[in-house]
Amino acid sequence: MIETWENMSPKDGYVVLMDEKVTNDDIERLDYLYQPIMGVIASGLFSLLKGEANQNPQLSNRKMHNELLSLLNIDLAAFYEARSSLEALGLLKSFEKDDIMGKVMVYQLRRPLEATDFFTDDLLSILLWESIGDTRYKEITARFALPVLKLDGFKEVSKSFLDVFQVSQVHLSNKPDIISESKKSFLTNIKTPQKLIESDNVDSFDFKFFIELLKKSFVSLDEINNQQDLIVSEHLLYDIDEIEMAQFIGDAADLSTNEVDYNAFKQKIAHKYNQQVKLKKQEDPTNDDEQDGGHKSVETLKKVGFSQEDSQLILASDAYSPFDFLKSLKESKGGYVTDNESYLLQQLVQRQIFTNSVINILIHYILIDRDLATLNKSFVDTMANDWSQQKVKTPEDAINQVRHFNTKKTETKVTNQRQRKIIKKETLPDWAKDDYQAPEADTEIDKAALQRQLDEFNKTAPKGG
């Protein structure tokens, strides 16, 4: 028996709170998954504390441990053992303090893990199996297993949030006071989310160097480390280097509190890059340029079968960040980047499915080849899923995928005139065909405008050797 129970007294006070509400489903998992491991006394202690949890806990409104001991009909040693089991299994956090009223414990109950999380945790699942054996373990896993229906041949048609709802960009950028205040009350209960970006794998941004730059400032480096995903996401989206990123952090910091306003941080970046197009060479080594021998040029690309226009597009896709590329194409068509497009592009970058150059080809395909006015989330997701399944890694792969798609479309036999019109409308433009030849200027005004845009892109594009 652990000896620290001897430091306790039945007259010590306690207060109970919960970081999340415990449901009937939680109790079911407690009974089947946790009780065999920790025993009935610990399970009973959890249920008893759950019943005493207060919505507005006050240290002055404390109870004594002798009430718990009496209700459970146990002594302090058994109580301490049960409490320790709850703590070790992540079901309870205990805090102690001495004040003018004496010693007081704060017990914070935590919900049992979801069944999926429990059974995929090696320590917990093995401990349960050791406690109950093969037969009972199989029965319990079958009880909590989710029903499975194979969806082979199905196509998901679910609407996304932005397909259905519109949220004011003004309110997102400057949240109403009532939203900010309510958010604060829940922040302490937020569990660590799964990372969208593995920032350690992003070679184009040296986070250690970035931290060194910020050491000269007054901002909290711990908080900066907690915001790695956001910072790297902004880097990938706008092609911001470490020095400029440090400047944005400094501009968004409050000198009086040494805290960074990350909403202001994002607003400042978005404002700058919405005001001007900064066409900079992208130095991201993940663009897989090494696969073609290092440097690219129109001539080297033409030698491997790409047309003049395809080659220029590949170089442009390698040279610029997705936001710069999107903004330039939208402006060349007389449009602008919408709030939904900015959000959609940010989500696509965060997934790290494609390099920036492949994302740029995808943007070009939708806006120019398909001649759509905006990036639509459903269509982007469909294309991104298809390209991911086809192992598209480089802009060359992306253009070849467009060619392959075009070939399949043109080989389809169509007998109905209406179908022929639809196919013609949906078929990709001539630039993606293997037998593409440059059109006459007087009959291809739109193509000429696009060519001028690509020429403008490639004034600063990397020169291959």
Foldseek 3Di string as FASTA:
>chain_A
DDPCLVVDDQFAWEAEAELDQEDPVLLVCCVQQPCLQLHDLLNVLLVVSNVRHDPDIDPVPIDGNNVVCVVSVHDSVVVVSSVVSCVVQVQWDWDWDQDPVGIYIYIYGYGHDQPVVQCVDVVSLVSRCVRPHDPSSVVVCVVRDDDDDDQPPHDDDDDDPVNPDDDDPVCVLPPDPVVVVVVVVNVVSDDDDDALAPLVPFPQADVVVLLVVCVVDLADVVVVVVCSLVLVLLCQQAVDYSVVLSVLQVVQADPVPSYGDVSSSVVVSVVVCQVDQDQAFRPGPQQPCVVLPHFAALVSVVVVQADSVLSLLQLLLRGGHLSSLLQLLLVLVVHGADPVQSVLSSSVSSNVLEHSSLSSLLSCCVCPFLVDNYDDNVVSVVVSVVCSVVVDYHSVSNLVVLQVVLVVLVVDDDDDPVVVVVSVSRRTDQSSHSPRDDDDCVVCVVVVSVVVSSVVSPVNGDHGD
